[in-house]
N, C-alpha and C. Protein backbone atom coordinates (compact mmCIF):
# COMPACT_ATOMS: atom_id res chain seq x y z
N MET A 1 103.50 57.77 23.56
CA MET A 1 102.61 57.40 23.44
C MET A 1 102.61 56.30 21.68
N ARG A 2 102.25 55.03 22.23
CA ARG A 2 102.14 54.28 20.98
C ARG A 2 100.92 54.17 20.55
N ILE A 3 100.28 54.31 19.26
CA ILE A 3 99.08 53.75 18.32
C ILE A 3 99.54 52.46 17.52
N LYS A 4 98.75 51.47 18.23
CA LYS A 4 98.45 50.29 17.35
C LYS A 4 97.81 50.11 15.98
N ARG A 5 98.28 49.92 14.66
CA ARG A 5 97.49 50.05 13.35
C ARG A 5 96.17 48.58 13.29
N ILE A 6 95.10 48.87 13.08
CA ILE A 6 94.22 48.21 13.13
C ILE A 6 94.13 47.34 11.41
N SER A 7 94.57 46.35 11.44
CA SER A 7 94.69 45.80 9.92
C SER A 7 93.40 45.69 9.46
N GLN A 8 93.30 45.96 8.13
CA GLN A 8 91.75 46.10 7.57
C GLN A 8 92.48 44.16 6.45
N VAL A 9 90.93 43.63 6.59
CA VAL A 9 90.92 42.47 5.68
C VAL A 9 90.37 43.19 4.74
N LYS A 10 91.16 42.59 3.68
CA LYS A 10 91.12 42.66 2.36
C LYS A 10 90.23 42.36 1.27
N GLU A 11 89.48 42.84 0.84
CA GLU A 11 88.09 41.75 -0.03
C GLU A 11 88.77 41.88 -1.06
N LYS A 12 88.25 40.57 -1.99
CA LYS A 12 88.47 39.94 -3.46
C LYS A 12 87.64 41.55 -4.40
N PRO A 13 88.41 41.90 -4.94
CA PRO A 13 88.13 43.27 -5.85
C PRO A 13 86.36 42.53 -6.50
N ALA A 14 85.25 43.25 -6.61
CA ALA A 14 84.36 42.59 -7.63
C ALA A 14 85.55 42.69 -9.01
N LYS A 15 84.46 41.78 -9.99
CA LYS A 15 84.93 41.84 -11.74
C LYS A 15 84.36 43.44 -11.85
N THR A 16 85.55 44.16 -12.72
CA THR A 16 85.17 44.98 -13.14
C THR A 16 85.26 45.08 -14.67
N GLN A 17 84.68 46.20 -15.11
CA GLN A 17 84.73 45.84 -16.47
C GLN A 17 85.74 46.68 -16.49
N ALA A 18 86.58 46.33 -18.42
CA ALA A 18 87.66 47.08 -18.96
C ALA A 18 87.10 48.79 -18.81
N ILE A 19 88.64 49.49 -18.63
CA ILE A 19 88.36 51.22 -18.40
C ILE A 19 88.46 51.77 -19.81
N ASP A 20 88.13 52.02 -20.74
CA ASP A 20 88.56 52.85 -21.91
C ASP A 20 89.12 53.87 -21.34
N LEU A 21 90.91 53.56 -21.65
CA LEU A 21 91.85 54.65 -21.39
C LEU A 21 92.14 55.70 -22.53
N SER A 22 91.46 55.40 -23.82
CA SER A 22 91.14 56.22 -24.91
C SER A 22 90.60 58.03 -24.41
N LEU A 23 89.63 57.37 -23.46
CA LEU A 23 88.67 58.49 -23.22
C LEU A 23 89.79 59.68 -22.79
N MET A 24 90.68 59.92 -22.31
CA MET A 24 91.83 60.56 -21.47
C MET A 24 92.56 61.13 -23.49
N ASP A 25 92.45 61.01 -23.92
CA ASP A 25 93.44 61.39 -24.66
C ASP A 25 93.66 62.52 -25.03
N ASP A 26 92.19 62.94 -24.62
CA ASP A 26 92.16 64.75 -25.37
C ASP A 26 92.28 65.51 -24.10
N LEU A 27 92.25 64.75 -22.92
CA LEU A 27 92.53 65.71 -21.76
C LEU A 27 94.32 65.51 -21.69
N ILE A 28 95.05 64.51 -21.92
CA ILE A 28 96.47 64.98 -22.19
C ILE A 28 96.97 65.57 -22.79
N ILE A 29 96.09 65.66 -24.23
CA ILE A 29 96.57 66.52 -25.06
C ILE A 29 96.70 68.19 -24.77
N LYS A 30 95.19 68.12 -24.47
CA LYS A 30 95.11 69.45 -23.45
C LYS A 30 95.91 70.16 -22.75
N TYR A 31 96.58 69.42 -21.56
CA TYR A 31 97.51 69.63 -20.41
C TYR A 31 99.00 69.49 -20.60
N LYS A 32 99.21 68.66 -21.86
CA LYS A 32 100.87 68.25 -21.98
C LYS A 32 101.36 69.08 -21.82
N ASN A 33 102.50 69.12 -21.06
CA ASN A 33 103.47 70.22 -21.39
C ASN A 33 103.31 71.71 -20.58
N LYS A 34 102.15 71.55 -20.00
CA LYS A 34 101.44 73.01 -19.03
C LYS A 34 102.08 72.42 -17.35
N LYS A 35 102.68 74.06 -17.10
CA LYS A 35 102.93 73.92 -15.72
C LYS A 35 101.72 73.68 -14.97
N GLY A 36 101.68 72.99 -13.90
CA GLY A 36 100.84 73.27 -12.97
C GLY A 36 99.57 71.99 -13.41
N ASN A 37 100.10 70.75 -14.09
CA ASN A 37 99.04 70.20 -14.87
C ASN A 37 98.36 68.91 -14.02
N LEU A 38 98.62 68.29 -12.82
CA LEU A 38 98.83 67.32 -12.32
C LEU A 38 96.81 67.30 -11.88
N ILE A 39 96.69 68.32 -10.98
CA ILE A 39 95.55 68.49 -10.49
C ILE A 39 94.00 68.88 -11.50
N PRO A 40 94.92 69.59 -12.60
CA PRO A 40 93.77 69.40 -13.65
C PRO A 40 93.57 67.94 -14.30
N LEU A 41 94.33 67.11 -14.65
CA LEU A 41 94.74 66.21 -15.17
C LEU A 41 94.21 65.23 -14.00
N LEU A 42 94.02 65.18 -12.98
CA LEU A 42 92.93 64.41 -11.72
C LEU A 42 92.09 64.31 -11.79
N GLN A 43 91.51 66.31 -12.21
CA GLN A 43 89.87 66.04 -12.25
C GLN A 43 89.12 65.39 -13.25
N GLY A 44 90.21 66.28 -14.47
CA GLY A 44 89.38 65.66 -15.82
C GLY A 44 89.01 64.61 -15.46
N THR A 45 90.16 63.61 -15.16
CA THR A 45 90.14 61.72 -15.58
C THR A 45 89.22 61.68 -14.38
N GLN A 46 88.28 61.97 -13.04
CA GLN A 46 88.02 61.68 -12.30
C GLN A 46 86.07 62.00 -12.75
N GLU A 47 86.12 63.02 -13.73
CA GLU A 47 84.81 63.40 -13.88
C GLU A 47 84.94 62.63 -15.12
N LEU A 48 85.64 62.02 -16.34
CA LEU A 48 85.12 61.02 -17.11
C LEU A 48 84.93 59.62 -16.41
N TYR A 49 85.50 59.30 -15.62
CA TYR A 49 85.17 57.85 -14.72
C TYR A 49 84.43 57.97 -13.25
N GLY A 50 84.33 58.92 -12.93
CA GLY A 50 83.68 58.88 -11.38
C GLY A 50 84.55 58.92 -10.15
N TYR A 51 85.59 58.38 -10.66
CA TYR A 51 87.26 58.57 -9.84
C TYR A 51 88.10 58.00 -10.58
N ILE A 52 88.91 58.08 -10.03
CA ILE A 52 90.49 57.86 -11.21
C ILE A 52 91.01 55.98 -10.72
N PRO A 53 90.58 55.50 -11.99
CA PRO A 53 91.29 54.49 -11.83
C PRO A 53 92.75 54.34 -11.90
N GLY A 54 93.08 52.92 -10.83
CA GLY A 54 94.66 52.90 -11.31
C GLY A 54 95.15 53.15 -12.36
N GLU A 55 94.55 52.17 -13.48
CA GLU A 55 95.29 52.72 -14.81
C GLU A 55 95.23 53.63 -15.53
N ALA A 56 94.36 55.02 -14.81
CA ALA A 56 94.89 55.92 -15.44
C ALA A 56 95.81 57.07 -14.88
N PHE A 57 96.37 56.40 -13.93
CA PHE A 57 97.79 57.33 -13.32
C PHE A 57 98.73 56.58 -13.88
N LEU A 58 98.76 54.97 -14.27
CA LEU A 58 99.60 54.07 -15.20
C LEU A 58 99.60 55.56 -16.64
N LYS A 59 98.67 55.31 -16.72
CA LYS A 59 98.98 55.91 -18.36
C LYS A 59 99.46 57.24 -18.51
N LEU A 60 99.00 58.17 -16.75
CA LEU A 60 99.16 59.43 -16.93
C LEU A 60 101.18 59.31 -16.80
N ASN A 61 101.71 58.39 -16.10
CA ASN A 61 102.66 58.07 -16.14
C ASN A 61 103.75 57.94 -17.48
N LYS A 62 102.96 56.86 -18.02
CA LYS A 62 103.18 56.63 -18.91
C LYS A 62 103.58 57.48 -20.30
N ASP A 63 102.47 58.32 -20.40
CA ASP A 63 102.38 59.23 -21.64
C ASP A 63 102.72 60.94 -21.43
N LEU A 64 102.76 61.30 -20.22
CA LEU A 64 103.47 62.34 -19.53
C LEU A 64 104.28 62.13 -18.84
N GLY A 65 104.79 61.46 -18.34
CA GLY A 65 106.21 61.42 -17.27
C GLY A 65 105.48 61.44 -16.02
N LEU A 66 104.22 61.75 -15.72
CA LEU A 66 104.31 62.26 -14.23
C LEU A 66 104.51 61.05 -13.20
N LYS A 67 105.06 61.74 -12.12
CA LYS A 67 105.67 60.58 -11.21
C LYS A 67 104.50 59.68 -10.17
N LEU A 68 104.54 58.67 -10.38
CA LEU A 68 102.92 57.64 -10.09
C LEU A 68 103.01 58.20 -8.29
N SER A 69 104.39 58.30 -7.68
CA SER A 69 104.37 58.29 -5.85
C SER A 69 103.39 59.96 -5.71
N GLU A 70 103.60 61.17 -6.89
CA GLU A 70 103.32 62.38 -6.79
C GLU A 70 102.05 62.40 -7.31
N MET A 71 101.34 61.68 -8.12
CA MET A 71 99.81 61.63 -8.40
C MET A 71 99.17 60.91 -7.43
N TYR A 72 99.58 59.98 -6.42
CA TYR A 72 98.99 59.28 -5.60
C TYR A 72 99.07 60.18 -4.11
N GLY A 73 99.82 60.51 -3.92
CA GLY A 73 100.50 61.86 -2.85
C GLY A 73 98.96 62.88 -3.43
N VAL A 74 99.04 63.34 -4.31
CA VAL A 74 97.98 64.59 -4.20
C VAL A 74 96.66 63.93 -4.47
N ALA A 75 96.66 62.45 -5.36
CA ALA A 75 95.12 62.11 -4.72
C ALA A 75 94.79 61.45 -3.81
N THR A 76 95.61 61.24 -2.82
CA THR A 76 94.95 60.98 -1.72
C THR A 76 94.75 61.88 -0.50
N PHE A 77 96.09 62.93 -0.63
CA PHE A 77 95.53 64.20 -0.13
C PHE A 77 94.15 65.68 -0.06
N TYR A 78 93.72 65.41 -1.15
CA TYR A 78 92.33 66.20 -1.51
C TYR A 78 91.29 65.54 -1.38
N ALA A 79 90.33 65.87 -0.32
CA ALA A 79 89.52 65.10 -0.19
C ALA A 79 88.66 64.93 -1.61
N GLN A 80 88.70 65.70 -2.33
CA GLN A 80 88.04 66.02 -3.75
C GLN A 80 88.28 64.98 -4.93
N PHE A 81 89.11 63.80 -4.86
CA PHE A 81 89.84 63.02 -5.57
C PHE A 81 89.00 61.12 -4.92
N ARG A 82 88.66 60.62 -5.45
CA ARG A 82 88.25 59.16 -5.38
C ARG A 82 89.62 58.15 -5.88
N LEU A 83 89.45 57.15 -5.33
CA LEU A 83 90.54 55.89 -5.96
C LEU A 83 89.26 54.61 -5.96
N SER A 84 88.05 55.17 -5.55
CA SER A 84 87.69 53.96 -5.91
C SER A 84 86.16 54.20 -6.38
N PRO A 85 85.21 52.86 -7.61
CA PRO A 85 83.67 53.91 -7.63
C PRO A 85 82.82 54.10 -6.89
N VAL A 86 81.97 55.24 -7.06
CA VAL A 86 80.95 56.00 -5.72
C VAL A 86 79.54 55.19 -6.51
N GLY A 87 79.15 55.18 -5.84
CA GLY A 87 77.66 55.28 -5.71
C GLY A 87 76.69 56.25 -7.02
N LYS A 88 75.79 56.01 -7.46
CA LYS A 88 75.21 57.24 -8.50
C LYS A 88 73.97 58.16 -7.30
N ASN A 89 74.13 58.26 -6.13
CA ASN A 89 74.01 59.31 -5.17
C ASN A 89 74.77 59.20 -3.44
N ILE A 90 75.42 60.50 -3.82
CA ILE A 90 76.53 60.57 -2.52
C ILE A 90 76.11 61.34 -1.90
N VAL A 91 75.61 60.73 -0.73
CA VAL A 91 75.39 60.95 0.38
C VAL A 91 76.29 61.55 1.68
N ARG A 92 75.72 63.37 1.72
CA ARG A 92 77.03 63.59 2.90
C ARG A 92 76.22 64.30 3.48
N MET A 93 76.59 63.80 5.26
CA MET A 93 75.82 63.97 6.25
C MET A 93 76.24 64.91 7.21
N CYS A 94 75.63 66.07 7.23
CA CYS A 94 76.81 67.30 7.78
C CYS A 94 77.27 66.90 9.24
N HIS A 95 78.28 66.66 9.27
CA HIS A 95 78.43 66.82 11.46
C HIS A 95 79.25 68.01 11.74
N GLY A 96 79.04 69.45 11.54
CA GLY A 96 79.59 70.27 11.84
C GLY A 96 78.73 70.88 13.13
N THR A 97 79.17 71.59 13.89
CA THR A 97 78.43 71.62 15.32
C THR A 97 77.25 71.69 15.33
N ALA A 98 76.38 72.20 14.57
CA ALA A 98 74.78 72.63 14.59
C ALA A 98 74.27 71.23 14.42
N CYS A 99 74.68 70.68 13.36
CA CYS A 99 74.54 69.19 13.04
C CYS A 99 74.25 68.62 14.19
N HIS A 100 75.61 68.33 14.85
CA HIS A 100 75.80 67.59 15.72
C HIS A 100 75.08 67.69 17.23
N VAL A 101 74.72 69.39 17.51
CA VAL A 101 74.25 69.17 18.72
C VAL A 101 72.23 68.81 17.97
N GLN A 102 71.73 69.16 17.16
CA GLN A 102 70.43 68.42 16.61
C GLN A 102 70.67 67.15 15.93
N ASN A 103 71.53 66.29 16.66
CA ASN A 103 71.72 64.98 16.56
C ASN A 103 71.90 64.26 15.27
N VAL A 104 72.68 64.98 14.53
CA VAL A 104 72.46 63.97 13.20
C VAL A 104 73.90 62.38 13.06
N THR A 105 74.03 62.27 14.78
CA THR A 105 75.07 60.89 14.55
C THR A 105 73.95 59.84 14.42
N ALA A 106 72.31 60.20 14.78
CA ALA A 106 71.12 59.22 15.17
C ALA A 106 71.08 59.10 13.54
N ILE A 107 70.78 60.29 12.96
CA ILE A 107 70.39 60.30 11.47
C ILE A 107 71.27 59.29 10.76
N THR A 108 72.41 59.76 11.02
CA THR A 108 73.95 58.84 9.92
C THR A 108 74.06 57.91 10.45
N GLU A 109 73.56 57.29 11.78
CA GLU A 109 73.47 55.30 11.52
C GLU A 109 72.21 55.14 11.05
N SER A 110 71.71 55.58 11.50
CA SER A 110 69.87 55.01 10.77
C SER A 110 70.26 55.17 9.60
N ILE A 111 70.84 55.94 8.49
CA ILE A 111 70.82 55.50 6.80
C ILE A 111 71.72 54.23 6.80
N LEU A 112 73.15 54.39 7.51
CA LEU A 112 73.96 53.20 7.38
C LEU A 112 73.35 52.25 7.68
N ASP A 113 72.50 52.14 8.56
CA ASP A 113 71.64 50.69 8.99
C ASP A 113 71.27 50.26 7.84
N HIS A 114 70.20 51.13 7.32
CA HIS A 114 69.20 50.84 6.37
C HIS A 114 69.91 50.55 5.39
N LEU A 115 70.96 51.14 4.94
CA LEU A 115 71.64 50.39 3.58
C LEU A 115 72.54 49.29 3.74
N LYS A 116 72.84 49.39 5.12
CA LYS A 116 73.52 47.88 5.47
C LYS A 116 75.23 48.49 4.93
N ILE A 117 75.64 49.64 5.26
CA ILE A 117 77.61 49.81 4.98
C ILE A 117 77.74 50.46 5.64
N LYS A 118 79.03 51.01 5.62
CA LYS A 118 79.72 52.06 6.60
C LYS A 118 79.73 53.56 6.21
N ASP A 119 80.29 54.29 7.07
CA ASP A 119 80.56 55.74 6.80
C ASP A 119 81.60 55.82 5.20
N GLY A 120 81.34 56.28 4.44
CA GLY A 120 82.40 56.36 3.59
C GLY A 120 82.51 55.01 2.46
N GLU A 121 81.12 53.95 2.52
CA GLU A 121 81.26 53.23 1.60
C GLU A 121 79.68 52.97 0.55
N THR A 122 80.13 52.21 -0.39
CA THR A 122 78.89 52.20 -1.40
C THR A 122 78.10 51.15 -1.29
N THR A 123 77.04 51.50 -1.53
CA THR A 123 75.95 49.91 -1.19
C THR A 123 76.44 49.39 -2.55
N SER A 124 76.01 47.79 -2.57
CA SER A 124 76.67 46.91 -3.40
C SER A 124 75.65 47.26 -4.79
N ASP A 125 74.83 47.56 -4.43
CA ASP A 125 73.76 48.22 -5.96
C ASP A 125 74.02 49.21 -6.50
N MET A 126 75.76 50.02 -5.95
CA MET A 126 75.92 51.23 -6.43
C MET A 126 75.00 52.31 -6.65
N ILE A 127 73.83 52.32 -5.96
CA ILE A 127 73.07 53.53 -5.68
C ILE A 127 73.57 54.88 -4.96
N PHE A 128 74.04 54.04 -3.61
CA PHE A 128 74.31 55.29 -2.81
C PHE A 128 75.90 55.10 -2.28
N THR A 129 76.21 56.42 -1.79
CA THR A 129 77.61 56.46 -0.78
C THR A 129 77.70 57.18 -0.14
N VAL A 130 77.52 56.88 1.50
CA VAL A 130 77.14 57.96 2.45
C VAL A 130 78.61 58.32 3.24
N GLU A 131 79.28 59.54 2.89
CA GLU A 131 80.19 60.54 3.73
C GLU A 131 79.01 61.37 4.68
N ALA A 132 80.54 61.54 6.15
CA ALA A 132 80.46 62.09 7.02
C ALA A 132 81.35 63.58 6.72
N VAL A 133 80.53 64.64 6.93
CA VAL A 133 81.61 65.69 6.29
C VAL A 133 81.67 66.84 7.45
N ALA A 134 82.11 67.54 7.45
CA ALA A 134 83.25 68.07 8.45
C ALA A 134 81.47 69.32 8.57
N CYS A 135 81.23 69.87 6.96
CA CYS A 135 79.99 70.97 7.00
C CYS A 135 79.85 71.21 5.76
N LEU A 136 78.34 71.57 5.67
CA LEU A 136 77.76 72.24 4.64
C LEU A 136 77.40 73.61 4.45
N GLY A 137 77.81 73.86 5.24
CA GLY A 137 77.29 75.47 5.08
C GLY A 137 75.88 75.90 5.22
N CYS A 138 74.90 74.99 6.00
CA CYS A 138 73.66 75.05 6.23
C CYS A 138 73.21 74.82 7.68
N CYS A 139 74.05 75.90 8.53
CA CYS A 139 73.37 75.92 9.63
C CYS A 139 72.34 76.03 10.28
N SER A 140 71.34 76.87 9.78
CA SER A 140 69.92 77.46 10.09
C SER A 140 69.10 76.09 9.77
N LEU A 141 69.61 75.23 8.75
CA LEU A 141 68.76 73.87 8.40
C LEU A 141 69.03 73.33 9.01
N ALA A 142 69.93 73.15 10.10
CA ALA A 142 70.29 71.89 11.14
C ALA A 142 69.29 70.76 11.37
N PRO A 143 69.72 69.27 11.23
CA PRO A 143 70.33 68.75 11.43
C PRO A 143 69.99 68.24 9.68
N VAL A 144 71.48 68.33 8.86
CA VAL A 144 71.25 68.83 7.33
C VAL A 144 72.15 67.47 6.21
N MET A 145 71.40 66.80 5.47
CA MET A 145 72.01 66.16 4.26
C MET A 145 72.24 66.22 3.41
N MET A 146 72.95 66.21 2.37
CA MET A 146 72.74 66.76 0.91
C MET A 146 73.10 65.79 0.08
N ILE A 147 72.01 65.67 -0.83
CA ILE A 147 72.35 63.90 -2.38
C ILE A 147 72.03 64.71 -3.40
N GLY A 148 73.86 63.96 -3.94
CA GLY A 148 74.29 65.04 -5.06
C GLY A 148 73.87 66.72 -4.60
N GLU A 149 73.23 67.35 -5.50
CA GLU A 149 73.32 69.10 -5.28
C GLU A 149 71.88 69.71 -4.79
N GLU A 150 70.94 68.39 -3.97
CA GLU A 150 69.86 68.93 -3.44
C GLU A 150 70.20 68.78 -1.84
N THR A 151 69.82 69.24 -0.85
CA THR A 151 70.10 69.75 0.50
C THR A 151 68.95 69.62 1.06
N TYR A 152 68.43 68.91 2.19
CA TYR A 152 67.55 68.31 2.66
C TYR A 152 67.98 69.12 4.58
N GLY A 153 67.12 69.53 4.95
CA GLY A 153 67.59 70.30 6.54
C GLY A 153 66.23 69.73 7.64
N LYS A 154 66.43 70.20 8.72
CA LYS A 154 66.00 69.91 9.95
C LYS A 154 65.31 68.27 9.76
N LEU A 155 66.52 67.70 9.56
CA LEU A 155 65.60 65.93 9.34
C LEU A 155 65.72 65.74 10.86
N SER A 156 64.57 65.10 10.74
CA SER A 156 64.47 62.92 11.64
C SER A 156 65.39 62.14 10.76
N PRO A 157 65.57 60.83 12.12
CA PRO A 157 65.88 59.81 11.23
C PRO A 157 64.69 59.06 10.04
N ALA A 158 63.40 59.64 10.69
CA ALA A 158 62.61 58.90 9.99
C ALA A 158 62.16 59.53 8.62
N GLU A 159 62.35 60.95 8.62
CA GLU A 159 62.29 61.54 7.28
C GLU A 159 63.70 61.41 6.83
N ALA A 160 64.97 61.29 6.94
CA ALA A 160 66.03 61.04 6.13
C ALA A 160 65.87 59.59 5.67
N LEU A 161 65.27 59.12 6.55
CA LEU A 161 64.73 57.42 5.54
C LEU A 161 63.79 57.37 4.25
N LYS A 162 62.85 58.02 4.89
CA LYS A 162 62.03 58.29 3.59
C LYS A 162 62.65 58.90 2.45
N ILE A 163 63.63 59.79 2.62
CA ILE A 163 64.03 60.38 1.54
C ILE A 163 65.16 59.07 0.71
N ILE A 164 65.72 58.44 1.85
CA ILE A 164 66.82 57.55 1.06
C ILE A 164 65.70 56.25 0.34
N LYS A 165 64.75 55.76 0.76
CA LYS A 165 63.79 55.24 0.47
C LYS A 165 63.42 55.30 -1.34
N GLU A 166 62.79 56.76 -1.19
CA GLU A 166 62.14 57.73 -2.24
C GLU A 166 63.31 57.56 -3.74
N ILE A 167 64.06 57.72 -3.04
CA ILE A 167 65.66 57.87 -3.92
C ILE A 167 65.83 56.00 -4.65
N LYS A 168 65.77 55.07 -3.69
CA LYS A 168 65.66 54.10 -3.73
C LYS A 168 64.79 53.04 -4.73
N ARG A 169 63.93 53.62 -4.34
CA ARG A 169 62.81 52.98 -5.19
C ARG A 169 63.02 53.55 -6.95
N SER A 170 63.13 55.35 -6.95
CA SER A 170 63.19 55.59 -8.25
C SER A 170 64.20 55.10 -8.85
N GLU A 171 65.05 54.62 -8.34
CA GLU A 171 66.36 53.99 -9.57
C GLU A 171 65.66 52.85 -9.77
N GLN A 172 65.49 52.26 -8.81
CA GLN A 172 64.77 50.68 -9.23
C GLN A 172 63.74 50.38 -10.52
N ASN A 173 63.16 51.78 -10.76
CA ASN A 173 62.28 51.41 -11.99
C ASN A 173 62.60 52.09 -13.12
C-alpha cells in the first residue's frame, strides 16, 4: 500500500527577537564532559527559552561537539521537547477512552474553532497552545482538559469555552 505525502505550505516565519545564547553557558558548564548529557541539556535549554531554538542546537554542537542529527533525533522523538514557541497557557485535551466516550472531541473542536487554530498550534497572541493528548489520568472526571497545572473535569463545550474566555480576559488585563 502506498501512502501519499501531504505537502505542507510553509508560512514565512514571524520576525523573532534575537535569542540570548549566553543563558546556556551555565548549563553547558554543568554538563560538559558528562556521560548521558544530551537529554538534560535539551531539557535545560527548553526550560530557559520555553522551547529549543535552532540556534541552541548550533551552540551545543559548537561548544560540546554534540552531533546535530543526534540532538534533532532526540528532540523530535520525545514529546516533551518543543522546537517552536508555545503559548503562555498550554491546553491539553484528554482524548483517552473515558474522555472520548464522553465526547471530548466536541469540546476540543469548540475550543479550536473559538481560538481559530488547529490542534498543536498556538494563537497569534501567544496566549494559548492547544494539544490533544492520549490520557491525563483523570478518567473519573471525564471529559478532562488541563491548562498549565490546573485540571478541569466533567466539561461541556460551553463550560470549556467559558474557562478559555476567562483566562484570555485575565491575560489581556
